[in-house]
Amino acid sequence: MSAALPLLASEEFKAPGLGLFEWPPILASGPAWFNKPTALMMLGSLLVIVFAYAAFSRPRVVPRGMQNVGELAYTFVREQVARPFLGTKDSDRWMPLLFTLFFFVWIMNLFGSIIFIQFPVMSIIGYPAILAIMVWVLTQYLGVKRQGPIGLFKNVMFPPGLPKWVYVLVAPIEFLSHFFLRHITHAVRLFATMMAGHLIVALFSDVGWHFLFVALTPLGAPLGLIGVIMTILLTGFELFIQALQAYVFALLTAMFIGGALHPEH
């Protein structure tokens, strides 16, 4: 790609790469782990706490202000995430976790579209991995507690109603899927989507900036204009994907919890 660009511009265009996800420490003499993603994670956690406190600390019979927003959000998570997999009885018990997960992941993603921040924290694998590991530990504990260790393995590896010879194939597949693969994809799905979206938006943004401001030429200007238009369109699409991925992450968490509590389903 770079070999053709000198025809359009006097300076070589360099596409953004994985360096977008490498951040130095905020403080030169501070710890290496305290960088921009870590600071955003702390800020996101604080925003979730402040929102929940403002919405639910002093409930009124007729909701107003933040309580109204909080109740609408709570109702959405309860009806669209918790109850489809946990039912009416168990959904209220697990709503604090699901509600917090949904908004925490959403805010971490949303940082990627906020000007002057513009970095989705979940595009670094460590953050969704920690959340997925937490869900894995929780669901295995619930499965052993509700079904017993032997019952858990039996229900996972030997679903009823199949011919016995099929279990030779089904048992190892179900074992790997239940205990490992689905929890790995739980993290990777969120990470990969946020990483890819950030790279694509950054690419078109750099194209617009380079060909309109850094190396403006008659042939390069249309390409720069396309970059600006695509950046705007993709940012709008990314806002949708950021919310969708938070919803999917919380939904899968509810599904895993429901499977541990109700293996018969």
C-alpha atoms as a PDB file:
ATOM      1  CA  MET A   1       0.000   0.000   0.000  1.00  0.00           C
ATOM      2  CA  SER A   2       2.767   2.443   0.949  1.00  0.00           C
ATOM      3  CA  ALA A   3       4.501   2.060  -2.422  1.00  0.00           C
ATOM      4  CA  ALA A   4       1.504   3.526  -4.268  1.00  0.00           C
ATOM      5  CA  LEU A   5       0.880   6.453  -1.954  1.00  0.00           C
ATOM      6  CA  PRO A   6       3.718   8.742  -3.105  1.00  0.00           C
ATOM      7  CA  LEU A   7       1.626   9.307  -6.235  1.00  0.00           C
ATOM      8  CA  LEU A   8      -1.003  10.914  -4.030  1.00  0.00           C
ATOM      9  CA  ALA A   9       1.039  12.634  -1.386  1.00  0.00           C
ATOM     10  CA  SER A  10       4.507  14.006  -0.868  1.00  0.00           C
ATOM     11  CA  GLU A  11       4.912  12.200   2.446  1.00  0.00           C
ATOM     12  CA  GLU A  12       4.541   8.503   3.095  1.00  0.00           C
ATOM     13  CA  PHE A  13       1.403   7.370   4.901  1.00  0.00           C
ATOM     14  CA  LYS A  14       1.936   4.959   7.764  1.00  0.00           C
ATOM     15  CA  ALA A  15      -1.063   2.902   8.855  1.00  0.00           C
ATOM     16  CA  PRO A  16      -1.674   2.515  12.602  1.00  0.00           C
ATOM     17  CA  GLY A  17      -0.708  -0.834  14.101  1.00  0.00           C
ATOM     18  CA  LEU A  18      -0.475  -2.651  17.402  1.00  0.00           C
ATOM     19  CA  GLY A  19       1.408   0.284  18.868  1.00  0.00           C
ATOM     20  CA  LEU A  20      -2.024   1.798  19.548  1.00  0.00           C
ATOM     21  CA  PHE A  21      -2.385  -0.681  22.409  1.00  0.00           C
ATOM     22  CA  GLU A  22       0.995  -0.066  24.049  1.00  0.00           C
ATOM     23  CA  TRP A  23       0.937   2.581  26.750  1.00  0.00           C
ATOM     24  CA  PRO A  24       3.840   3.881  28.845  1.00  0.00           C
ATOM     25  CA  PRO A  25       3.421   4.574  32.566  1.00  0.00           C
ATOM     26  CA  ILE A  26       1.550   7.783  33.331  1.00  0.00           C
ATOM     27  CA  LEU A  27       4.228   8.776  35.836  1.00  0.00           C
ATOM     28  CA  ALA A  28       7.831   8.507  34.667  1.00  0.00           C
ATOM     29  CA  SER A  29       8.961   7.306  38.090  1.00  0.00           C
ATOM     30  CA  GLY A  30       5.762   5.379  38.807  1.00  0.00           C
ATOM     31  CA  PRO A  31       4.929   1.687  38.406  1.00  0.00           C
ATOM     32  CA  ALA A  32       4.793   0.302  34.859  1.00  0.00           C
ATOM     33  CA  TRP A  33       1.257  -1.042  35.319  1.00  0.00           C
ATOM     34  CA  PHE A  34      -0.222   2.390  36.032  1.00  0.00           C
ATOM     35  CA  ASN A  35      -0.860   3.522  32.461  1.00  0.00           C
ATOM     36  CA  LYS A  36      -3.784   5.029  30.565  1.00  0.00           C
ATOM     37  CA  PRO A  37      -5.895   1.805  30.353  1.00  0.00           C
ATOM     38  CA  THR A  38      -5.467   1.224  34.093  1.00  0.00           C
ATOM     39  CA  ALA A  39      -6.474   4.800  34.882  1.00  0.00           C
ATOM     40  CA  LEU A  40      -9.525   4.449  32.624  1.00  0.00           C
ATOM     41  CA  MET A  41     -10.461   1.188  34.341  1.00  0.00           C
ATOM     42  CA  MET A  42     -10.370   2.937  37.702  1.00  0.00           C
ATOM     43  CA  LEU A  43     -12.391   5.844  36.312  1.00  0.00           C
ATOM     44  CA  GLY A  44     -14.952   3.453  34.825  1.00  0.00           C
ATOM     45  CA  SER A  45     -15.300   1.622  38.139  1.00  0.00           C
ATOM     46  CA  LEU A  46     -15.836   4.934  39.906  1.00  0.00           C
ATOM     47  CA  LEU A  47     -18.469   5.987  37.349  1.00  0.00           C
ATOM     48  CA  VAL A  48     -20.430   2.755  37.886  1.00  0.00           C
ATOM     49  CA  ILE A  49     -20.319   3.244  41.672  1.00  0.00           C
ATOM     50  CA  VAL A  50     -21.373   6.898  41.447  1.00  0.00           C
ATOM     51  CA  PHE A  51     -24.192   6.086  39.028  1.00  0.00           C
ATOM     52  CA  ALA A  52     -25.522   3.256  41.205  1.00  0.00           C
ATOM     53  CA  TYR A  53     -25.311   5.381  44.344  1.00  0.00           C
ATOM     54  CA  ALA A  54     -27.016   8.370  42.721  1.00  0.00           C
ATOM     55  CA  ALA A  55     -29.775   6.188  41.283  1.00  0.00           C
ATOM     56  CA  PHE A  56     -30.530   3.826  44.171  1.00  0.00           C
ATOM     57  CA  SER A  57     -29.219   5.248  47.464  1.00  0.00           C
ATOM     58  CA  ARG A  58     -32.401   7.262  48.186  1.00  0.00           C
ATOM     59  CA  PRO A  59     -35.258   5.632  46.271  1.00  0.00           C
ATOM     60  CA  ARG A  60     -38.576   7.437  45.957  1.00  0.00           C
ATOM     61  CA  VAL A  61     -42.000   6.054  45.186  1.00  0.00           C
ATOM     62  CA  VAL A  62     -42.142   8.261  42.088  1.00  0.00           C
ATOM     63  CA  PRO A  63     -38.666   8.079  40.498  1.00  0.00           C
ATOM     64  CA  ARG A  64     -37.000  11.277  39.360  1.00  0.00           C
ATOM     65  CA  GLY A  65     -33.675  12.199  37.815  1.00  0.00           C
ATOM     66  CA  MET A  66     -30.982   9.560  38.157  1.00  0.00           C
ATOM     67  CA  GLN A  67     -33.349   7.160  39.885  1.00  0.00           C
ATOM     68  CA  ASN A  68     -35.550   7.196  36.805  1.00  0.00           C
ATOM     69  CA  VAL A  69     -32.564   6.441  34.549  1.00  0.00           C
ATOM     70  CA  GLY A  70     -31.327   3.770  36.948  1.00  0.00           C
ATOM     71  CA  GLU A  71     -34.682   2.017  37.123  1.00  0.00           C
ATOM     72  CA  LEU A  72     -35.000   1.992  33.336  1.00  0.00           C
ATOM     73  CA  ALA A  73     -31.512   0.511  33.049  1.00  0.00           C
ATOM     74  CA  TYR A  74     -32.212  -2.017  35.806  1.00  0.00           C
ATOM     75  CA  THR A  75     -35.437  -3.090  34.120  1.00  0.00           C
ATOM     76  CA  PHE A  76     -33.651  -3.567  30.793  1.00  0.00           C
ATOM     77  CA  VAL A  77     -30.948  -5.787  32.293  1.00  0.00           C
ATOM     78  CA  ARG A  78     -33.465  -7.757  34.342  1.00  0.00           C
ATOM     79  CA  GLU A  79     -35.892  -8.409  31.479  1.00  0.00           C
ATOM     80  CA  GLN A  80     -33.413  -8.812  28.607  1.00  0.00           C
ATOM     81  CA  VAL A  81     -30.436 -10.421  30.348  1.00  0.00           C
ATOM     82  CA  ALA A  82     -31.330 -12.057  33.672  1.00  0.00           C
ATOM     83  CA  ARG A  83     -34.820 -13.509  33.393  1.00  0.00           C
ATOM     84  CA  PRO A  84     -34.440 -15.341  30.046  1.00  0.00           C
ATOM     85  CA  PHE A  85     -31.814 -17.619  31.643  1.00  0.00           C
ATOM     86  CA  LEU A  86     -32.381 -17.365  35.393  1.00  0.00           C
ATOM     87  CA  GLY A  87     -36.130 -17.067  35.642  1.00  0.00           C
ATOM     88  CA  THR A  88     -38.086 -14.855  38.012  1.00  0.00           C
ATOM     89  CA  LYS A  89     -36.881 -16.587  41.175  1.00  0.00           C
ATOM     90  CA  ASP A  90     -33.115 -16.396  40.641  1.00  0.00           C
ATOM     91  CA  SER A  91     -32.835 -13.273  38.488  1.00  0.00           C
ATOM     92  CA  ASP A  92     -33.227 -10.771  41.337  1.00  0.00           C
ATOM     93  CA  ARG A  93     -30.499 -12.517  43.321  1.00  0.00           C
ATOM     94  CA  TRP A  94     -27.973 -12.148  40.508  1.00  0.00           C
ATOM     95  CA  MET A  95     -29.036  -8.739  39.259  1.00  0.00           C
ATOM     96  CA  PRO A  96     -26.329  -6.789  41.171  1.00  0.00           C
ATOM     97  CA  LEU A  97     -23.630  -8.775  39.395  1.00  0.00           C
ATOM     98  CA  LEU A  98     -25.245  -8.669  35.945  1.00  0.00           C
ATOM     99  CA  PHE A  99     -26.173  -4.989  36.216  1.00  0.00           C
ATOM    100  CA  THR A 100     -22.641  -4.061  37.283  1.00  0.00           C
ATOM    101  CA  LEU A 101     -21.015  -6.208  34.591  1.00  0.00           C
ATOM    102  CA  PHE A 102     -23.169  -4.733  31.846  1.00  0.00           C
ATOM    103  CA  PHE A 103     -22.473  -1.110  32.731  1.00  0.00           C
ATOM    104  CA  PHE A 104     -18.821  -1.650  33.575  1.00  0.00           C
ATOM    105  CA  VAL A 105     -18.098  -3.333  30.232  1.00  0.00           C
ATOM    106  CA  TRP A 106     -20.200  -0.767  28.365  1.00  0.00           C
ATOM    107  CA  ILE A 107     -18.335   2.169  29.916  1.00  0.00           C
ATOM    108  CA  MET A 108     -14.963   0.501  29.246  1.00  0.00           C
ATOM    109  CA  ASN A 109     -15.986   0.139  25.599  1.00  0.00           C
ATOM    110  CA  LEU A 110     -17.540   3.596  25.382  1.00  0.00           C
ATOM    111  CA  PHE A 111     -14.224   5.235  26.275  1.00  0.00           C
ATOM    112  CA  GLY A 112     -13.140   4.357  22.739  1.00  0.00           C
ATOM    113  CA  SER A 113     -15.583   6.898  21.274  1.00  0.00           C
ATOM    114  CA  ILE A 114     -15.171   9.735  23.778  1.00  0.00           C
ATOM    115  CA  ILE A 115     -13.043  12.582  22.458  1.00  0.00           C
ATOM    116  CA  PHE A 116      -9.666  13.094  24.172  1.00  0.00           C
ATOM    117  CA  ILE A 117      -9.925   9.575  25.647  1.00  0.00           C
ATOM    118  CA  GLN A 118     -10.539   7.467  22.547  1.00  0.00           C
ATOM    119  CA  PHE A 119      -9.383   4.120  23.819  1.00  0.00           C
ATOM    120  CA  PRO A 120     -11.623   1.095  24.533  1.00  0.00           C
ATOM    121  CA  VAL A 121     -10.117  -0.570  27.590  1.00  0.00           C
ATOM    122  CA  MET A 122     -11.527  -3.968  26.658  1.00  0.00           C
ATOM    123  CA  SER A 123      -9.306  -3.976  23.568  1.00  0.00           C
ATOM    124  CA  ILE A 124      -6.510  -5.160  25.896  1.00  0.00           C
ATOM    125  CA  ILE A 125      -7.012  -8.876  26.516  1.00  0.00           C
ATOM    126  CA  GLY A 126      -6.118  -8.753  30.208  1.00  0.00           C
ATOM    127  CA  TYR A 127      -9.261  -6.850  31.187  1.00  0.00           C
ATOM    128  CA  PRO A 128     -11.923  -9.083  29.580  1.00  0.00           C
ATOM    129  CA  ALA A 129      -9.837 -12.123  30.589  1.00  0.00           C
ATOM    130  CA  ILE A 130     -10.043 -11.186  34.280  1.00  0.00           C
ATOM    131  CA  LEU A 131     -13.819 -10.777  34.019  1.00  0.00           C
ATOM    132  CA  ALA A 132     -14.174 -14.106  32.187  1.00  0.00           C
ATOM    133  CA  ILE A 133     -12.015 -15.886  34.782  1.00  0.00           C
ATOM    134  CA  MET A 134     -14.173 -14.432  37.545  1.00  0.00           C
ATOM    135  CA  VAL A 135     -17.297 -15.765  35.803  1.00  0.00           C
ATOM    136  CA  TRP A 136     -15.579 -19.154  35.288  1.00  0.00           C
ATOM    137  CA  VAL A 137     -14.708 -19.481  38.987  1.00  0.00           C
ATOM    138  CA  LEU A 138     -18.225 -18.442  40.006  1.00  0.00           C
ATOM    139  CA  THR A 139     -20.031 -20.842  37.664  1.00  0.00           C
ATOM    140  CA  GLN A 140     -17.822 -23.816  38.565  1.00  0.00           C
ATOM    141  CA  TYR A 141     -18.423 -23.129  42.245  1.00  0.00           C
ATOM    142  CA  LEU A 142     -22.178 -22.909  41.704  1.00  0.00           C
ATOM    143  CA  GLY A 143     -22.160 -26.054  39.590  1.00  0.00           C
ATOM    144  CA  VAL A 144     -20.324 -28.085  42.232  1.00  0.00           C
ATOM    145  CA  LYS A 145     -22.461 -26.645  45.029  1.00  0.00           C
ATOM    146  CA  ARG A 146     -25.780 -27.318  43.263  1.00  0.00           C
ATOM    147  CA  GLN A 147     -24.978 -30.604  41.482  1.00  0.00           C
ATOM    148  CA  GLY A 148     -21.998 -32.001  43.366  1.00  0.00           C
ATOM    149  CA  PRO A 149     -18.656 -32.663  41.620  1.00  0.00           C
ATOM    150  CA  ILE A 150     -19.731 -36.011  40.179  1.00  0.00           C
ATOM    151  CA  GLY A 151     -23.139 -34.722  39.144  1.00  0.00           C
ATOM    152  CA  LEU A 152     -21.546 -31.718  37.445  1.00  0.00           C
ATOM    153  CA  PHE A 153     -19.267 -33.842  35.275  1.00  0.00           C
ATOM    154  CA  LYS A 154     -22.092 -36.275  34.520  1.00  0.00           C
ATOM    155  CA  ASN A 155     -24.523 -33.559  33.459  1.00  0.00           C
ATOM    156  CA  VAL A 156     -21.884 -31.829  31.341  1.00  0.00           C
ATOM    157  CA  MET A 157     -20.339 -34.825  29.598  1.00  0.00           C
ATOM    158  CA  PHE A 158     -23.283 -37.209  29.355  1.00  0.00           C
ATOM    159  CA  PRO A 159     -26.467 -35.332  28.368  1.00  0.00           C
ATOM    160  CA  PRO A 160     -29.460 -37.694  28.522  1.00  0.00           C
ATOM    161  CA  GLY A 161     -31.282 -39.061  25.504  1.00  0.00           C
ATOM    162  CA  LEU A 162     -28.311 -39.908  23.269  1.00  0.00           C
ATOM    163  CA  PRO A 163     -27.188 -43.366  22.076  1.00  0.00           C
ATOM    164  CA  LYS A 164     -24.362 -44.680  24.241  1.00  0.00           C
ATOM    165  CA  TRP A 165     -21.842 -44.875  21.384  1.00  0.00           C
ATOM    166  CA  VAL A 166     -22.298 -41.148  20.709  1.00  0.00           C
ATOM    167  CA  TYR A 167     -20.899 -40.284  24.130  1.00  0.00           C
ATOM    168  CA  VAL A 168     -17.441 -41.319  22.914  1.00  0.00           C
ATOM    169  CA  LEU A 169     -17.528 -38.232  20.704  1.00  0.00           C
ATOM    170  CA  VAL A 170     -19.796 -35.986  22.751  1.00  0.00           C
ATOM    171  CA  ALA A 171     -18.187 -36.357  26.198  1.00  0.00           C
ATOM    172  CA  PRO A 172     -14.734 -34.876  25.416  1.00  0.00           C
ATOM    173  CA  ILE A 173     -16.247 -32.135  23.267  1.00  0.00           C
ATOM    174  CA  GLU A 174     -18.700 -31.129  25.995  1.00  0.00           C
ATOM    175  CA  PHE A 175     -15.946 -31.279  28.613  1.00  0.00           C
ATOM    176  CA  LEU A 176     -13.677 -28.930  26.665  1.00  0.00           C
ATOM    177  CA  SER A 177     -16.540 -26.632  25.711  1.00  0.00           C
ATOM    178  CA  HIS A 178     -18.062 -26.318  29.176  1.00  0.00           C
ATOM    179  CA  PHE A 179     -14.908 -25.969  31.238  1.00  0.00           C
ATOM    180  CA  PHE A 180     -12.619 -24.117  28.839  1.00  0.00           C
ATOM    181  CA  LEU A 181     -13.634 -23.079  25.324  1.00  0.00           C
ATOM    182  CA  ARG A 182     -16.813 -21.140  26.037  1.00  0.00           C
ATOM    183  CA  HIS A 183     -15.102 -19.137  28.771  1.00  0.00           C
ATOM    184  CA  ILE A 184     -12.115 -18.412  26.543  1.00  0.00           C
ATOM    185  CA  THR A 185     -14.411 -17.163  23.785  1.00  0.00           C
ATOM    186  CA  HIS A 186     -16.316 -15.179  26.427  1.00  0.00           C
ATOM    187  CA  ALA A 187     -13.205 -13.009  26.803  1.00  0.00           C
ATOM    188  CA  VAL A 188     -11.826 -13.213  23.264  1.00  0.00           C
ATOM    189  CA  ARG A 189     -15.117 -12.166  21.620  1.00  0.00           C
ATOM    190  CA  LEU A 190     -15.166  -8.904  23.570  1.00  0.00           C
ATOM    191  CA  PHE A 191     -11.438  -8.265  23.203  1.00  0.00           C
ATOM    192  CA  ALA A 192     -11.246  -9.001  19.466  1.00  0.00           C
ATOM    193  CA  THR A 193     -14.294  -6.899  18.598  1.00  0.00           C
ATOM    194  CA  MET A 194     -13.064  -3.868  20.513  1.00  0.00           C
ATOM    195  CA  MET A 195      -9.530  -4.216  19.192  1.00  0.00           C
ATOM    196  CA  ALA A 196     -10.628  -4.552  15.560  1.00  0.00           C
ATOM    197  CA  GLY A 197     -13.081  -1.660  15.817  1.00  0.00           C
ATOM    198  CA  HIS A 198     -10.456   0.618  17.341  1.00  0.00           C
ATOM    199  CA  LEU A 199      -7.929  -0.248  14.626  1.00  0.00           C
ATOM    200  CA  ILE A 200     -10.401   0.363  11.793  1.00  0.00           C
ATOM    201  CA  VAL A 201     -11.583   3.719  13.148  1.00  0.00           C
ATOM    202  CA  ALA A 202      -7.972   4.767  13.773  1.00  0.00           C
ATOM    203  CA  LEU A 203      -7.007   3.783  10.215  1.00  0.00           C
ATOM    204  CA  PHE A 204      -9.672   5.920   8.522  1.00  0.00           C
ATOM    205  CA  SER A 205      -9.047   8.759  10.958  1.00  0.00           C
ATOM    206  CA  ASP A 206      -5.345   8.733  10.085  1.00  0.00           C
ATOM    207  CA  VAL A 207      -6.176   8.609   6.364  1.00  0.00           C
ATOM    208  CA  GLY A 208      -8.373  11.700   6.693  1.00  0.00           C
ATOM    209  CA  TRP A 209      -5.809  13.591   8.744  1.00  0.00           C
ATOM    210  CA  HIS A 210      -2.839  12.652   6.558  1.00  0.00           C
ATOM    211  CA  PHE A 211      -4.316  13.400   3.147  1.00  0.00           C
ATOM    212  CA  LEU A 212      -6.185  16.555   4.172  1.00  0.00           C
ATOM    213  CA  PHE A 213      -3.728  18.201   6.562  1.00  0.00           C
ATOM    214  CA  VAL A 214      -0.282  16.576   6.528  1.00  0.00           C
ATOM    215  CA  ALA A 215       0.209  15.978   2.800  1.00  0.00           C
ATOM    216  CA  LEU A 216      -2.601  17.694   0.929  1.00  0.00           C
ATOM    217  CA  THR A 217      -2.541  17.139  -2.846  1.00  0.00           C
ATOM    218  CA  PRO A 218      -5.257  17.280  -5.541  1.00  0.00           C
ATOM    219  CA  LEU A 219      -5.195  13.490  -5.852  1.00  0.00           C
ATOM    220  CA  GLY A 220      -4.969  12.826  -2.130  1.00  0.00           C
ATOM    221  CA  ALA A 221      -7.754  15.186  -1.007  1.00  0.00           C
ATOM    222  CA  PRO A 222     -10.642  12.885  -2.158  1.00  0.00           C
ATOM    223  CA  LEU A 223      -9.022  10.002  -0.295  1.00  0.00           C
ATOM    224  CA  GLY A 224      -8.759  12.151   2.818  1.00  0.00           C
ATOM    225  CA  LEU A 225     -12.413  13.150   2.497  1.00  0.00           C
ATOM    226  CA  ILE A 226     -13.399   9.483   2.267  1.00  0.00           C
ATOM    227  CA  GLY A 227     -11.355   8.861   5.418  1.00  0.00           C
ATOM    228  CA  VAL A 228     -13.240  11.578   7.329  1.00  0.00           C
ATOM    229  CA  ILE A 229     -16.659  10.324   6.178  1.00  0.00           C
ATOM    230  CA  MET A 230     -15.807   6.711   7.029  1.00  0.00           C
ATOM    231  CA  THR A 231     -14.496   7.770  10.444  1.00  0.00           C
ATOM    232  CA  ILE A 232     -17.823   9.434  11.267  1.00  0.00           C
ATOM    233  CA  LEU A 233     -19.884   6.500   9.994  1.00  0.00           C
ATOM    234  CA  LEU A 234     -17.748   3.871  11.709  1.00  0.00           C
ATOM    235  CA  THR A 235     -17.761   5.791  14.986  1.00  0.00           C
ATOM    236  CA  GLY A 236     -21.568   5.698  14.948  1.00  0.00           C
ATOM    237  CA  PHE A 237     -21.471   1.977  14.184  1.00  0.00           C
ATOM    238  CA  GLU A 238     -18.886   1.444  16.913  1.00  0.00           C
ATOM    239  CA  LEU A 239     -21.200   3.066  19.485  1.00  0.00           C
ATOM    240  CA  PHE A 240     -23.754   0.373  18.661  1.00  0.00           C
ATOM    241  CA  ILE A 241     -21.147  -2.413  18.840  1.00  0.00           C
ATOM    242  CA  GLN A 242     -19.848  -1.156  22.194  1.00  0.00           C
ATOM    243  CA  ALA A 243     -23.305  -1.448  23.761  1.00  0.00           C
ATOM    244  CA  LEU A 244     -23.988  -4.756  21.988  1.00  0.00           C
ATOM    245  CA  GLN A 245     -20.800  -6.366  23.285  1.00  0.00           C
ATOM    246  CA  ALA A 246     -21.604  -5.290  26.849  1.00  0.00           C
ATOM    247  CA  TYR A 247     -25.051  -6.835  26.429  1.00  0.00           C
ATOM    248  CA  VAL A 248     -23.616 -10.067  25.004  1.00  0.00           C
ATOM    249  CA  PHE A 249     -21.035 -10.362  27.788  1.00  0.00           C
ATOM    250  CA  ALA A 250     -23.684  -9.945  30.489  1.00  0.00           C
ATOM    251  CA  LEU A 251     -26.087 -12.247  28.622  1.00  0.00           C
ATOM    252  CA  LEU A 252     -23.522 -15.056  28.408  1.00  0.00           C
ATOM    253  CA  THR A 253     -22.717 -14.594  32.092  1.00  0.00           C
ATOM    254  CA  ALA A 254     -26.402 -15.070  32.914  1.00  0.00           C
ATOM    255  CA  MET A 255     -26.520 -18.133  30.662  1.00  0.00           C
ATOM    256  CA  PHE A 256     -23.488 -19.706  32.373  1.00  0.00           C
ATOM    257  CA  ILE A 257     -24.938 -19.031  35.833  1.00  0.00           C
ATOM    258  CA  GLY A 258     -28.305 -20.430  34.772  1.00  0.00           C
ATOM    259  CA  GLY A 259     -26.637 -23.563  33.406  1.00  0.00           C
ATOM    260  CA  ALA A 260     -24.814 -24.105  36.695  1.00  0.00           C
ATOM    261  CA  LEU A 261     -27.976 -23.631  38.765  1.00  0.00           C
ATOM    262  CA  HIS A 262     -30.371 -25.489  36.461  1.00  0.00           C
ATOM    263  CA  PRO A 263     -28.474 -28.188  34.510  1.00  0.00           C
ATOM    264  CA  GLU A 264     -31.730 -29.807  33.413  1.00  0.00           C
ATOM    265  CA  HIS A 265     -32.326 -26.835  31.112  1.00  0.00           C
END
